[in-house]
Amino acid sequence: AREEMWHMHWLGMIIGKMGGEPDLTPAPYPHDPTNRKTIFKSYVA
């Protein structure tokens, strides 16, 4: 999660530097919540 925060930060810094407005609405994260095995399989995909 912390590494994904850096990813998001790099992108946001670029948009801000360009004079744009960042969109902070998260996209859906499709995953199968049946159990841990299906959840982690979804993360890999």
PDB file of all heavy atoms in Angstrom:
ATOM      1  N   ALA A   1       0.835  -1.204   0.000  1.00  0.00           N
ATOM      2  CA  ALA A   1       0.000   0.000   0.000  1.00  0.00           C
ATOM      3  C   ALA A   1       0.869   1.254   0.000  1.00  0.00           C
ATOM      4  O   ALA A   1       0.580   2.220  -0.717  1.00  0.00           O
ATOM      5  CB  ALA A   1      -0.929  -0.004   1.214  1.00  0.00           C
ATOM      6  N   ARG A   2       1.935   1.239   0.775  1.00  0.00           N
ATOM      7  CA  ARG A   2       2.819   2.400   0.838  1.00  0.00           C
ATOM      8  C   ARG A   2       3.511   2.640  -0.497  1.00  0.00           C
ATOM      9  O   ARG A   2       3.712   3.791  -0.910  1.00  0.00           O
ATOM     10  CB  ARG A   2       3.846   2.207   1.953  1.00  0.00           C
ATOM     11  CG  ARG A   2       3.246   2.361   3.353  1.00  0.00           C
ATOM     12  CD  ARG A   2       4.216   1.941   4.427  1.00  0.00           C
ATOM     13  NE  ARG A   2       3.679   2.214   5.762  1.00  0.00           N
ATOM     14  CZ  ARG A   2       4.134   1.659   6.874  1.00  0.00           C
ATOM     15  NH1 ARG A   2       5.131   0.785   6.821  1.00  0.00           N
ATOM     16  NH2 ARG A   2       3.599   1.961   8.046  1.00  0.00           N
ATOM     17  N   GLU A   3       3.883   1.567  -1.169  1.00  0.00           N
ATOM     18  CA  GLU A   3       4.505   1.725  -2.483  1.00  0.00           C
ATOM     19  C   GLU A   3       3.502   2.276  -3.498  1.00  0.00           C
ATOM     20  O   GLU A   3       3.860   3.095  -4.359  1.00  0.00           O
ATOM     21  CB  GLU A   3       5.083   0.387  -2.931  1.00  0.00           C
ATOM     22  CG  GLU A   3       6.327  -0.003  -2.141  1.00  0.00           C
ATOM     23  CD  GLU A   3       6.648  -1.489  -2.180  1.00  0.00           C
ATOM     24  OE1 GLU A   3       5.881  -2.251  -2.797  1.00  0.00           O
ATOM     25  OE2 GLU A   3       7.660  -1.878  -1.577  1.00  0.00           O
ATOM     26  N   GLU A   4       2.243   1.854  -3.393  1.00  0.00           N
ATOM     27  CA  GLU A   4       1.218   2.401  -4.279  1.00  0.00           C
ATOM     28  C   GLU A   4       0.989   3.890  -3.987  1.00  0.00           C
ATOM     29  O   GLU A   4       0.651   4.663  -4.886  1.00  0.00           O
ATOM     30  CB  GLU A   4      -0.100   1.637  -4.109  1.00  0.00           C
ATOM     31  CG  GLU A   4      -0.042   0.140  -4.347  1.00  0.00           C
ATOM     32  CD  GLU A   4       0.236  -0.239  -5.794  1.00  0.00           C
ATOM     33  OE1 GLU A   4       0.520   0.656  -6.623  1.00  0.00           O
ATOM     34  OE2 GLU A   4       0.167  -1.447  -6.092  1.00  0.00           O
ATOM     35  N   MET A   5       1.184   4.290  -2.727  1.00  0.00           N
ATOM     36  CA  MET A   5       1.068   5.712  -2.388  1.00  0.00           C
ATOM     37  C   MET A   5       2.120   6.530  -3.124  1.00  0.00           C
ATOM     38  O   MET A   5       1.842   7.634  -3.597  1.00  0.00           O
ATOM     39  CB  MET A   5       1.210   5.902  -0.873  1.00  0.00           C
ATOM     40  CG  MET A   5       0.049   5.371  -0.061  1.00  0.00           C
ATOM     41  SD  MET A   5       0.381   5.496   1.734  1.00  0.00           S
ATOM     42  CE  MET A   5      -0.899   4.404   2.377  1.00  0.00           C
ATOM     43  N   TRP A   6       3.331   5.978  -3.216  1.00  0.00           N
ATOM     44  CA  TRP A   6       4.367   6.676  -3.979  1.00  0.00           C
ATOM     45  C   TRP A   6       3.960   6.776  -5.446  1.00  0.00           C
ATOM     46  O   TRP A   6       4.138   7.822  -6.075  1.00  0.00           O
ATOM     47  CB  TRP A   6       5.705   5.946  -3.841  1.00  0.00           C
ATOM     48  CG  TRP A   6       6.425   6.231  -2.577  1.00  0.00           C
ATOM     49  CD1 TRP A   6       6.695   5.357  -1.558  1.00  0.00           C
ATOM     50  CD2 TRP A   6       6.971   7.483  -2.158  1.00  0.00           C
ATOM     51  NE1 TRP A   6       7.369   5.992  -0.544  1.00  0.00           N
ATOM     52  CE2 TRP A   6       7.552   7.293  -0.878  1.00  0.00           C
ATOM     53  CE3 TRP A   6       7.024   8.752  -2.741  1.00  0.00           C
ATOM     54  CZ2 TRP A   6       8.175   8.329  -0.181  1.00  0.00           C
ATOM     55  CZ3 TRP A   6       7.639   9.780  -2.032  1.00  0.00           C
ATOM     56  CH2 TRP A   6       8.208   9.566  -0.777  1.00  0.00           C
ATOM     57  N   HIS A   7       3.428   5.705  -5.996  1.00  0.00           N
ATOM     58  CA  HIS A   7       2.992   5.730  -7.396  1.00  0.00           C
ATOM     59  C   HIS A   7       1.974   6.841  -7.628  1.00  0.00           C
ATOM     60  O   HIS A   7       2.069   7.611  -8.582  1.00  0.00           O
ATOM     61  CB  HIS A   7       2.363   4.387  -7.787  1.00  0.00           C
ATOM     62  CG  HIS A   7       3.331   3.251  -7.842  1.00  0.00           C
ATOM     63  ND1 HIS A   7       2.981   1.982  -8.239  1.00  0.00           N
ATOM     64  CD2 HIS A   7       4.657   3.196  -7.544  1.00  0.00           C
ATOM     65  CE1 HIS A   7       4.036   1.193  -8.187  1.00  0.00           C
ATOM     66  NE2 HIS A   7       5.058   1.901  -7.772  1.00  0.00           N
ATOM     67  N   MET A   8       1.006   6.903  -6.741  1.00  0.00           N
ATOM     68  CA  MET A   8      -0.031   7.929  -6.855  1.00  0.00           C
ATOM     69  C   MET A   8       0.574   9.322  -6.697  1.00  0.00           C
ATOM     70  O   MET A   8       0.199  10.263  -7.415  1.00  0.00           O
ATOM     71  CB  MET A   8      -1.101   7.669  -5.793  1.00  0.00           C
ATOM     72  CG  MET A   8      -2.288   8.614  -5.845  1.00  0.00           C
ATOM     73  SD  MET A   8      -3.524   8.113  -4.605  1.00  0.00           S
ATOM     74  CE  MET A   8      -4.666   9.496  -4.696  1.00  0.00           C
ATOM     75  N   HIS A   9       1.521   9.455  -5.775  1.00  0.00           N
ATOM     76  CA  HIS A   9       2.149  10.754  -5.516  1.00  0.00           C
ATOM     77  C   HIS A   9       2.933  11.246  -6.730  1.00  0.00           C
ATOM     78  O   HIS A   9       2.849  12.428  -7.093  1.00  0.00           O
ATOM     79  CB  HIS A   9       3.059  10.642  -4.294  1.00  0.00           C
ATOM     80  CG  HIS A   9       3.795  11.898  -3.957  1.00  0.00           C
ATOM     81  ND1 HIS A   9       3.153  13.080  -3.682  1.00  0.00           N
ATOM     82  CD2 HIS A   9       5.132  12.178  -3.865  1.00  0.00           C
ATOM     83  CE1 HIS A   9       4.048  14.036  -3.423  1.00  0.00           C
ATOM     84  NE2 HIS A   9       5.252  13.500  -3.530  1.00  0.00           N
ATOM     85  N   TRP A  10       3.687  10.368  -7.357  1.00  0.00           N
ATOM     86  CA  TRP A  10       4.455  10.792  -8.532  1.00  0.00           C
ATOM     87  C   TRP A  10       3.529  11.332  -9.620  1.00  0.00           C
ATOM     88  O   TRP A  10       3.817  12.358 -10.243  1.00  0.00           O
ATOM     89  CB  TRP A  10       5.248   9.610  -9.098  1.00  0.00           C
ATOM     90  CG  TRP A  10       6.253   9.019  -8.158  1.00  0.00           C
ATOM     91  CD1 TRP A  10       6.911   9.652  -7.135  1.00  0.00           C
ATOM     92  CD2 TRP A  10       6.703   7.669  -8.133  1.00  0.00           C
ATOM     93  NE1 TRP A  10       7.742   8.781  -6.483  1.00  0.00           N
ATOM     94  CE2 TRP A  10       7.647   7.558  -7.070  1.00  0.00           C
ATOM     95  CE3 TRP A  10       6.423   6.538  -8.898  1.00  0.00           C
ATOM     96  CZ2 TRP A  10       8.287   6.369  -6.766  1.00  0.00           C
ATOM     97  CZ3 TRP A  10       7.071   5.344  -8.598  1.00  0.00           C
ATOM     98  CH2 TRP A  10       7.988   5.260  -7.551  1.00  0.00           C
ATOM     99  N   LEU A  11       2.418  10.638  -9.838  1.00  0.00           N
ATOM    100  CA  LEU A  11       1.477  11.057 -10.872  1.00  0.00           C
ATOM    101  C   LEU A  11       0.831  12.387 -10.506  1.00  0.00           C
ATOM    102  O   LEU A  11       0.667  13.272 -11.354  1.00  0.00           O
ATOM    103  CB  LEU A  11       0.405   9.979 -11.068  1.00  0.00           C
ATOM    104  CG  LEU A  11       0.906   8.610 -11.535  1.00  0.00           C
ATOM    105  CD1 LEU A  11      -0.200   7.567 -11.410  1.00  0.00           C
ATOM    106  CD2 LEU A  11       1.415   8.673 -12.974  1.00  0.00           C
ATOM    107  N   GLY A  12       0.446  12.528  -9.249  1.00  0.00           N
ATOM    108  CA  GLY A  12      -0.188  13.763  -8.813  1.00  0.00           C
ATOM    109  C   GLY A  12       0.747  14.958  -8.894  1.00  0.00           C
ATOM    110  O   GLY A  12       0.323  16.064  -9.254  1.00  0.00           O
ATOM    111  N   MET A  13       2.013  14.746  -8.565  1.00  0.00           N
ATOM    112  CA  MET A  13       2.992  15.827  -8.661  1.00  0.00           C
ATOM    113  C   MET A  13       3.145  16.301 -10.104  1.00  0.00           C
ATOM    114  O   MET A  13       3.278  17.503 -10.363  1.00  0.00           O
ATOM    115  CB  MET A  13       4.340  15.356  -8.111  1.00  0.00           C
ATOM    116  CG  MET A  13       4.390  15.220  -6.606  1.00  0.00           C
ATOM    117  SD  MET A  13       4.364  16.814  -5.747  1.00  0.00           S
ATOM    118  CE  MET A  13       6.044  17.381  -6.063  1.00  0.00           C
ATOM    119  N   ILE A  14       3.119  15.373 -11.030  1.00  0.00           N
ATOM    120  CA  ILE A  14       3.226  15.740 -12.444  1.00  0.00           C
ATOM    121  C   ILE A  14       2.031  16.586 -12.861  1.00  0.00           C
ATOM    122  O   ILE A  14       2.184  17.640 -13.509  1.00  0.00           O
ATOM    123  CB  ILE A  14       3.334  14.481 -13.330  1.00  0.00           C
ATOM    124  CG1 ILE A  14       4.665  13.760 -13.077  1.00  0.00           C
ATOM    125  CG2 ILE A  14       3.203  14.843 -14.804  1.00  0.00           C
ATOM    126  CD1 ILE A  14       4.746  12.384 -13.702  1.00  0.00           C
ATOM    127  N   ILE A  15       0.834  16.151 -12.508  1.00  0.00           N
ATOM    128  CA  ILE A  15      -0.372  16.892 -12.874  1.00  0.00           C
ATOM    129  C   ILE A  15      -0.362  18.281 -12.250  1.00  0.00           C
ATOM    130  O   ILE A  15      -0.677  19.283 -12.909  1.00  0.00           O
ATOM    131  CB  ILE A  15      -1.631  16.110 -12.455  1.00  0.00           C
ATOM    132  CG1 ILE A  15      -1.776  14.856 -13.313  1.00  0.00           C
ATOM    133  CG2 ILE A  15      -2.879  16.985 -12.575  1.00  0.00           C
ATOM    134  CD1 ILE A  15      -2.899  13.934 -12.881  1.00  0.00           C
ATOM    135  N   GLY A  16       0.007  18.370 -10.962  1.00  0.00           N
ATOM    136  CA  GLY A  16       0.059  19.665 -10.299  1.00  0.00           C
ATOM    137  C   GLY A  16       1.072  20.596 -10.935  1.00  0.00           C
ATOM    138  O   GLY A  16       0.819  21.790 -11.114  1.00  0.00           O
ATOM    139  N   LYS A  17       2.233  20.059 -11.295  1.00  0.00           N
ATOM    140  CA  LYS A  17       3.276  20.867 -11.925  1.00  0.00           C
ATOM    141  C   LYS A  17       2.827  21.374 -13.280  1.00  0.00           C
ATOM    142  O   LYS A  17       3.219  22.467 -13.716  1.00  0.00           O
ATOM    143  CB  LYS A  17       4.548  20.030 -12.065  1.00  0.00           C
ATOM    144  CG  LYS A  17       5.762  20.833 -12.501  1.00  0.00           C
ATOM    145  CD  LYS A  17       7.012  19.961 -12.491  1.00  0.00           C
ATOM    146  CE  LYS A  17       8.239  20.773 -12.884  1.00  0.00           C
ATOM    147  NZ  LYS A  17       9.470  19.923 -12.873  1.00  0.00           N
ATOM    148  N   MET A  18       1.982  20.600 -13.950  1.00  0.00           N
ATOM    149  CA  MET A  18       1.472  21.003 -15.263  1.00  0.00           C
ATOM    150  C   MET A  18       0.326  22.010 -15.145  1.00  0.00           C
ATOM    151  O   MET A  18      -0.162  22.497 -16.168  1.00  0.00           O
ATOM    152  CB  MET A  18       0.996  19.766 -16.040  1.00  0.00           C
ATOM    153  CG  MET A  18       2.104  18.811 -16.424  1.00  0.00           C
ATOM    154  SD  MET A  18       1.456  17.295 -17.211  1.00  0.00           S
ATOM    155  CE  MET A  18       0.801  17.973 -18.747  1.00  0.00           C
ATOM    156  N   GLY A  19      -0.102  22.296 -13.922  1.00  0.00           N
ATOM    157  CA  GLY A  19      -1.202  23.229 -13.736  1.00  0.00           C
ATOM    158  C   GLY A  19      -2.566  22.589 -13.802  1.00  0.00           C
ATOM    159  O   GLY A  19      -3.585  23.274 -13.933  1.00  0.00           O
ATOM    160  N   GLY A  20      -2.608  21.259 -13.684  1.00  0.00           N
ATOM    161  CA  GLY A  20      -3.877  20.547 -13.767  1.00  0.00           C
ATOM    162  C   GLY A  20      -4.491  20.300 -12.413  1.00  0.00           C
ATOM    163  O   GLY A  20      -3.917  20.622 -11.370  1.00  0.00           O
ATOM    164  N   GLU A  21      -5.661  19.690 -12.434  1.00  0.00           N
ATOM    165  CA  GLU A  21      -6.387  19.369 -11.204  1.00  0.00           C
ATOM    166  C   GLU A  21      -6.460  17.851 -11.070  1.00  0.00           C
ATOM    167  O   GLU A  21      -7.031  17.170 -11.920  1.00  0.00           O
ATOM    168  CB  GLU A  21      -7.794  19.944 -11.246  1.00  0.00           C
ATOM    169  CG  GLU A  21      -8.618  19.714  -9.986  1.00  0.00           C
ATOM    170  CD  GLU A  21      -8.026  20.386  -8.754  1.00  0.00           C
ATOM    171  OE1 GLU A  21      -7.500  21.518  -8.877  1.00  0.00           O
ATOM    172  OE2 GLU A  21      -8.073  19.764  -7.673  1.00  0.00           O
ATOM    173  N   PRO A  22      -5.855  17.283 -10.017  1.00  0.00           N
ATOM    174  CA  PRO A  22      -5.903  15.821  -9.842  1.00  0.00           C
ATOM    175  C   PRO A  22      -7.300  15.344  -9.491  1.00  0.00           C
ATOM    176  O   PRO A  22      -8.023  16.002  -8.743  1.00  0.00           O
ATOM    177  CB  PRO A  22      -4.931  15.578  -8.684  1.00  0.00           C
ATOM    178  CG  PRO A  22      -4.868  16.876  -7.955  1.00  0.00           C
ATOM    179  CD  PRO A  22      -5.080  17.956  -8.964  1.00  0.00           C
ATOM    180  N   ASP A  23      -7.670  14.201 -10.044  1.00  0.00           N
ATOM    181  CA  ASP A  23      -8.955  13.564  -9.740  1.00  0.00           C
ATOM    182  C   ASP A  23      -8.702  12.514  -8.659  1.00  0.00           C
ATOM    183  O   ASP A  23      -7.995  11.534  -8.895  1.00  0.00           O
ATOM    184  CB  ASP A  23      -9.530  12.916 -10.995  1.00  0.00           C
ATOM    185  CG  ASP A  23     -10.927  12.338 -10.777  1.00  0.00           C
ATOM    186  OD1 ASP A  23     -11.356  12.267  -9.610  1.00  0.00           O
ATOM    187  OD2 ASP A  23     -11.571  11.951 -11.768  1.00  0.00           O
ATOM    188  N   LEU A  24      -9.299  12.704  -7.490  1.00  0.00           N
ATOM    189  CA  LEU A  24      -9.029  11.825  -6.361  1.00  0.00           C
ATOM    190  C   LEU A  24     -10.152  10.831  -6.109  1.00  0.00           C
ATOM    191  O   LEU A  24     -10.325  10.347  -4.988  1.00  0.00           O
ATOM    192  CB  LEU A  24      -8.752  12.662  -5.117  1.00  0.00           C
ATOM    193  CG  LEU A  24      -7.431  13.443  -5.210  1.00  0.00           C
ATOM    194  CD1 LEU A  24      -7.320  14.466  -4.094  1.00  0.00           C
ATOM    195  CD2 LEU A  24      -6.251  12.496  -5.179  1.00  0.00           C
ATOM    196  N   THR A  25     -10.884  10.498  -7.151  1.00  0.00           N
ATOM    197  CA  THR A  25     -11.919   9.469  -7.055  1.00  0.00           C
ATOM    198  C   THR A  25     -11.301   8.118  -7.393  1.00  0.00           C
ATOM    199  O   THR A  25     -10.792   7.933  -8.502  1.00  0.00           O
ATOM    200  CB  THR A  25     -13.078   9.751  -8.026  1.00  0.00           C
ATOM    201  OG1 THR A  25     -13.598  11.060  -7.778  1.00  0.00           O
ATOM    202  CG2 THR A  25     -14.176   8.715  -7.867  1.00  0.00           C
ATOM    203  N   PRO A  26     -11.292   7.163  -6.482  1.00  0.00           N
ATOM    204  CA  PRO A  26     -10.665   5.872  -6.786  1.00  0.00           C
ATOM    205  C   PRO A  26     -11.467   5.069  -7.803  1.00  0.00           C
ATOM    206  O   PRO A  26     -12.697   5.148  -7.842  1.00  0.00           O
ATOM    207  CB  PRO A  26     -10.636   5.163  -5.433  1.00  0.00           C
ATOM    208  CG  PRO A  26     -11.759   5.781  -4.657  1.00  0.00           C
ATOM    209  CD  PRO A  26     -11.840   7.211  -5.106  1.00  0.00           C
ATOM    210  N   ALA A  27     -10.755   4.311  -8.612  1.00  0.00           N
ATOM    211  CA  ALA A  27     -11.407   3.393  -9.541  1.00  0.00           C
ATOM    212  C   ALA A  27     -11.868   2.156  -8.770  1.00  0.00           C
ATOM    213  O   ALA A  27     -11.457   1.938  -7.624  1.00  0.00           O
ATOM    214  CB  ALA A  27     -10.429   2.985 -10.635  1.00  0.00           C
ATOM    215  N   PRO A  28     -12.719   1.333  -9.356  1.00  0.00           N
ATOM    216  CA  PRO A  28     -13.060   0.055  -8.712  1.00  0.00           C
ATOM    217  C   PRO A  28     -11.826  -0.852  -8.675  1.00  0.00           C
ATOM    218  O   PRO A  28     -10.948  -0.735  -9.525  1.00  0.00           O
ATOM    219  CB  PRO A  28     -14.140  -0.528  -9.638  1.00  0.00           C
ATOM    220  CG  PRO A  28     -14.624   0.607 -10.469  1.00  0.00           C
ATOM    221  CD  PRO A  28     -13.466   1.543 -10.618  1.00  0.00           C
ATOM    222  N   TYR A  29     -11.755  -1.712  -7.665  1.00  0.00           N
ATOM    223  CA  TYR A  29     -10.699  -2.714  -7.620  1.00  0.00           C
ATOM    224  C   TYR A  29     -11.381  -4.074  -7.682  1.00  0.00           C
ATOM    225  O   TYR A  29     -11.851  -4.586  -6.661  1.00  0.00           O
ATOM    226  CB  TYR A  29      -9.863  -2.602  -6.344  1.00  0.00           C
ATOM    227  CG  TYR A  29      -8.596  -3.441  -6.397  1.00  0.00           C
ATOM    228  CD1 TYR A  29      -7.341  -2.846  -6.437  1.00  0.00           C
ATOM    229  CD2 TYR A  29      -8.649  -4.836  -6.417  1.00  0.00           C
ATOM    230  CE1 TYR A  29      -6.181  -3.605  -6.489  1.00  0.00           C
ATOM    231  CE2 TYR A  29      -7.506  -5.599  -6.479  1.00  0.00           C
ATOM    232  CZ  TYR A  29      -6.281  -4.988  -6.520  1.00  0.00           C
ATOM    233  OH  TYR A  29      -5.127  -5.750  -6.591  1.00  0.00           O
ATOM    234  N   PRO A  30     -11.453  -4.670  -8.866  1.00  0.00           N
ATOM    235  CA  PRO A  30     -12.152  -5.957  -8.992  1.00  0.00           C
ATOM    236  C   PRO A  30     -11.386  -7.077  -8.302  1.00  0.00           C
ATOM    237  O   PRO A  30     -10.203  -7.286  -8.564  1.00  0.00           O
ATOM    238  CB  PRO A  30     -12.193  -6.169 -10.508  1.00  0.00           C
ATOM    239  CG  PRO A  30     -11.047  -5.383 -11.049  1.00  0.00           C
ATOM    240  CD  PRO A  30     -10.902  -4.194 -10.144  1.00  0.00           C
ATOM    241  N   HIS A  31     -12.046  -7.752  -7.396  1.00  0.00           N
ATOM    242  CA  HIS A  31     -11.401  -8.881  -6.723  1.00  0.00           C
ATOM    243  C   HIS A  31     -12.472  -9.862  -6.259  1.00  0.00           C
ATOM    244  O   HIS A  31     -13.622  -9.493  -6.038  1.00  0.00           O
ATOM    245  CB  HIS A  31     -10.557  -8.422  -5.537  1.00  0.00           C
ATOM    246  CG  HIS A  31     -11.341  -7.833  -4.411  1.00  0.00           C
ATOM    247  ND1 HIS A  31     -11.913  -6.573  -4.463  1.00  0.00           N
ATOM    248  CD2 HIS A  31     -11.669  -8.332  -3.181  1.00  0.00           C
ATOM    249  CE1 HIS A  31     -12.542  -6.318  -3.334  1.00  0.00           C
ATOM    250  NE2 HIS A  31     -12.425  -7.370  -2.536  1.00  0.00           N
ATOM    251  N   ASP A  32     -12.062 -11.108  -6.139  1.00  0.00           N
ATOM    252  CA  ASP A  32     -12.951 -12.172  -5.683  1.00  0.00           C
ATOM    253  C   ASP A  32     -12.777 -12.309  -4.172  1.00  0.00           C
ATOM    254  O   ASP A  32     -11.742 -12.788  -3.706  1.00  0.00           O
ATOM    255  CB  ASP A  32     -12.585 -13.478  -6.391  1.00  0.00           C
ATOM    256  CG  ASP A  32     -13.513 -14.634  -6.017  1.00  0.00           C
ATOM    257  OD1 ASP A  32     -14.240 -14.509  -5.010  1.00  0.00           O
ATOM    258  OD2 ASP A  32     -13.501 -15.661  -6.720  1.00  0.00           O
ATOM    259  N   PRO A  33     -13.783 -11.904  -3.367  1.00  0.00           N
ATOM    260  CA  PRO A  33     -13.634 -11.882  -1.912  1.00  0.00           C
ATOM    261  C   PRO A  33     -13.983 -13.194  -1.223  1.00  0.00           C
ATOM    262  O   PRO A  33     -14.192 -13.209  -0.010  1.00  0.00           O
ATOM    263  CB  PRO A  33     -14.614 -10.778  -1.507  1.00  0.00           C
ATOM    264  CG  PRO A  33     -15.727 -10.908  -2.503  1.00  0.00           C
ATOM    265  CD  PRO A  33     -15.075 -11.326  -3.798  1.00  0.00           C
ATOM    266  N   THR A  34     -14.039 -14.299  -1.968  1.00  0.00           N
ATOM    267  CA  THR A  34     -14.471 -15.580  -1.390  1.00  0.00           C
ATOM    268  C   THR A  34     -13.600 -16.003  -0.220  1.00  0.00           C
ATOM    269  O   THR A  34     -14.091 -16.391   0.842  1.00  0.00           O
ATOM    270  CB  THR A  34     -14.464 -16.680  -2.470  1.00  0.00           C
ATOM    271  OG1 THR A  34     -15.276 -16.268  -3.568  1.00  0.00           O
ATOM    272  CG2 THR A  34     -14.995 -17.992  -1.896  1.00  0.00           C
ATOM    273  N   ASN A  35     -12.289 -15.955  -0.407  1.00  0.00           N
ATOM    274  CA  ASN A  35     -11.341 -16.325   0.646  1.00  0.00           C
ATOM    275  C   ASN A  35      -9.988 -15.714   0.310  1.00  0.00           C
ATOM    276  O   ASN A  35      -9.835 -15.041  -0.714  1.00  0.00           O
ATOM    277  CB  ASN A  35     -11.236 -17.853   0.790  1.00  0.00           C
ATOM    278  CG  ASN A  35     -10.980 -18.551  -0.532  1.00  0.00           C
ATOM    279  OD1 ASN A  35     -10.096 -18.143  -1.296  1.00  0.00           O
ATOM    280  ND2 ASN A  35     -11.739 -19.590  -0.828  1.00  0.00           N
ATOM    281  N   ARG A  36      -8.997 -15.948   1.175  1.00  0.00           N
ATOM    282  CA  ARG A  36      -7.690 -15.339   0.938  1.00  0.00           C
ATOM    283  C   ARG A  36      -7.082 -15.794  -0.388  1.00  0.00           C
ATOM    284  O   ARG A  36      -6.430 -15.008  -1.088  1.00  0.00           O
ATOM    285  CB  ARG A  36      -6.731 -15.680   2.082  1.00  0.00           C
ATOM    286  CG  ARG A  36      -6.991 -14.919   3.376  1.00  0.00           C
ATOM    287  CD  ARG A  36      -5.869 -15.201   4.352  1.00  0.00           C
ATOM    288  NE  ARG A  36      -6.033 -14.513   5.634  1.00  0.00           N
ATOM    289  CZ  ARG A  36      -6.652 -15.033   6.684  1.00  0.00           C
ATOM    290  NH1 ARG A  36      -7.195 -16.256   6.584  1.00  0.00           N
ATOM    291  NH2 ARG A  36      -6.744 -14.362   7.814  1.00  0.00           N
ATOM    292  N   LYS A  37      -7.268 -17.044  -0.729  1.00  0.00           N
ATOM    293  CA  LYS A  37      -6.672 -17.558  -1.959  1.00  0.00           C
ATOM    294  C   LYS A  37      -7.210 -16.808  -3.182  1.00  0.00           C
ATOM    295  O   LYS A  37      -6.448 -16.379  -4.053  1.00  0.00           O
ATOM    296  CB  LYS A  37      -6.948 -19.056  -2.105  1.00  0.00           C
ATOM    297  CG  LYS A  37      -6.212 -19.721  -3.272  1.00  0.00           C
ATOM    298  CD  LYS A  37      -6.442 -21.224  -3.276  1.00  0.00           C
ATOM    299  CE  LYS A  37      -5.659 -21.912  -4.382  1.00  0.00           C
ATOM    300  NZ  LYS A  37      -4.209 -21.832  -4.155  1.00  0.00           N
ATOM    301  N   THR A  38      -8.515 -16.628  -3.236  1.00  0.00           N
ATOM    302  CA  THR A  38      -9.103 -15.918  -4.385  1.00  0.00           C
ATOM    303  C   THR A  38      -8.755 -14.428  -4.346  1.00  0.00           C
ATOM    304  O   THR A  38      -8.578 -13.800  -5.394  1.00  0.00           O
ATOM    305  CB  THR A  38     -10.632 -16.091  -4.420  1.00  0.00           C
ATOM    306  OG1 THR A  38     -11.211 -15.535  -3.217  1.00  0.00           O
ATOM    307  CG2 THR A  38     -11.015 -17.549  -4.527  1.00  0.00           C
ATOM    308  N   ILE A  39      -8.643 -13.872  -3.147  1.00  0.00           N
ATOM    309  CA  ILE A  39      -8.296 -12.454  -3.026  1.00  0.00           C
ATOM    310  C   ILE A  39      -6.895 -12.200  -3.577  1.00  0.00           C
ATOM    311  O   ILE A  39      -6.684 -11.296  -4.398  1.00  0.00           O
ATOM    312  CB  ILE A  39      -8.391 -11.991  -1.558  1.00  0.00           C
ATOM    313  CG1 ILE A  39      -9.853 -11.971  -1.101  1.00  0.00           C
ATOM    314  CG2 ILE A  39      -7.773 -10.607  -1.396  1.00  0.00           C
ATOM    315  CD1 ILE A  39     -10.030 -11.689   0.381  1.00  0.00           C
ATOM    316  N   PHE A  40      -5.934 -13.003  -3.137  1.00  0.00           N
ATOM    317  CA  PHE A  40      -4.568 -12.791  -3.603  1.00  0.00           C
ATOM    318  C   PHE A  40      -4.412 -13.117  -5.092  1.00  0.00           C
ATOM    319  O   PHE A  40      -3.610 -12.485  -5.786  1.00  0.00           O
ATOM    320  CB  PHE A  40      -3.573 -13.589  -2.754  1.00  0.00           C
ATOM    321  CG  PHE A  40      -3.220 -12.907  -1.469  1.00  0.00           C
ATOM    322  CD1 PHE A  40      -3.750 -13.351  -0.258  1.00  0.00           C
ATOM    323  CD2 PHE A  40      -2.383 -11.813  -1.451  1.00  0.00           C
ATOM    324  CE1 PHE A  40      -3.448 -12.721   0.934  1.00  0.00           C
ATOM    325  CE2 PHE A  40      -2.064 -11.169  -0.257  1.00  0.00           C
ATOM    326  CZ  PHE A  40      -2.604 -11.615   0.939  1.00  0.00           C
ATOM    327  N   LYS A  41      -5.179 -14.066  -5.578  1.00  0.00           N
ATOM    328  CA  LYS A  41      -5.167 -14.333  -7.017  1.00  0.00           C
ATOM    329  C   LYS A  41      -5.636 -13.093  -7.780  1.00  0.00           C
ATOM    330  O   LYS A  41      -5.091 -12.754  -8.837  1.00  0.00           O
ATOM    331  CB  LYS A  41      -6.070 -15.528  -7.337  1.00  0.00           C
ATOM    332  CG  LYS A  41      -6.038 -15.949  -8.806  1.00  0.00           C
ATOM    333  CD  LYS A  41      -6.900 -17.187  -9.029  1.00  0.00           C
ATOM    334  CE  LYS A  41      -6.860 -17.614 -10.505  1.00  0.00           C
ATOM    335  NZ  LYS A  41      -7.699 -18.819 -10.739  1.00  0.00           N
ATOM    336  N   SER A  42      -6.644 -12.401  -7.244  1.00  0.00           N
ATOM    337  CA  SER A  42      -7.135 -11.174  -7.856  1.00  0.00           C
ATOM    338  C   SER A  42      -6.064 -10.090  -7.842  1.00  0.00           C
ATOM    339  O   SER A  42      -5.922  -9.322  -8.801  1.00  0.00           O
ATOM    340  CB  SER A  42      -8.374 -10.662  -7.115  1.00  0.00           C
ATOM    341  OG  SER A  42      -9.428 -11.592  -7.125  1.00  0.00           O
ATOM    342  N   TYR A  43      -5.306 -10.028  -6.742  1.00  0.00           N
ATOM    343  CA  TYR A  43      -4.246  -9.017  -6.642  1.00  0.00           C
ATOM    344  C   TYR A  43      -3.170  -9.237  -7.711  1.00  0.00           C
ATOM    345  O   TYR A  43      -2.669  -8.281  -8.309  1.00  0.00           O
ATOM    346  CB  TYR A  43      -3.604  -9.053  -5.257  1.00  0.00           C
ATOM    347  CG  TYR A  43      -4.501  -8.654  -4.110  1.00  0.00           C
ATOM    348  CD1 TYR A  43      -4.058  -8.792  -2.789  1.00  0.00           C
ATOM    349  CD2 TYR A  43      -5.777  -8.144  -4.308  1.00  0.00           C
ATOM    350  CE1 TYR A  43      -4.856  -8.426  -1.715  1.00  0.00           C
ATOM    351  CE2 TYR A  43      -6.592  -7.783  -3.239  1.00  0.00           C
ATOM    352  CZ  TYR A  43      -6.122  -7.935  -1.947  1.00  0.00           C
ATOM    353  OH  TYR A  43      -6.921  -7.580  -0.882  1.00  0.00           O
ATOM    354  N   VAL A  44      -2.820 -10.484  -7.922  1.00  0.00           N
ATOM    355  CA  VAL A  44      -1.825 -10.804  -8.949  1.00  0.00           C
ATOM    356  C   VAL A  44      -2.321 -10.338 -10.320  1.00  0.00           C
ATOM    357  O   VAL A  44      -1.588  -9.689 -11.083  1.00  0.00           O
ATOM    358  CB  VAL A  44      -1.527 -12.319  -8.975  1.00  0.00           C
ATOM    359  CG1 VAL A  44      -0.625 -12.666 -10.161  1.00  0.00           C
ATOM    360  CG2 VAL A  44      -0.880 -12.768  -7.665  1.00  0.00           C
ATOM    361  N   ALA A  45      -3.570 -10.647 -10.624  1.00  0.00           N
ATOM    362  CA  ALA A  45      -4.136 -10.266 -11.916  1.00  0.00           C
ATOM    363  C   ALA A  45      -4.176  -8.757 -12.083  1.00  0.00           C
ATOM    364  O   ALA A  45      -3.880  -8.219 -13.173  1.00  0.00           O
ATOM    365  CB  ALA A  45      -5.539 -10.853 -12.060  1.00  0.00           C
TER     366      ALA A  45
END
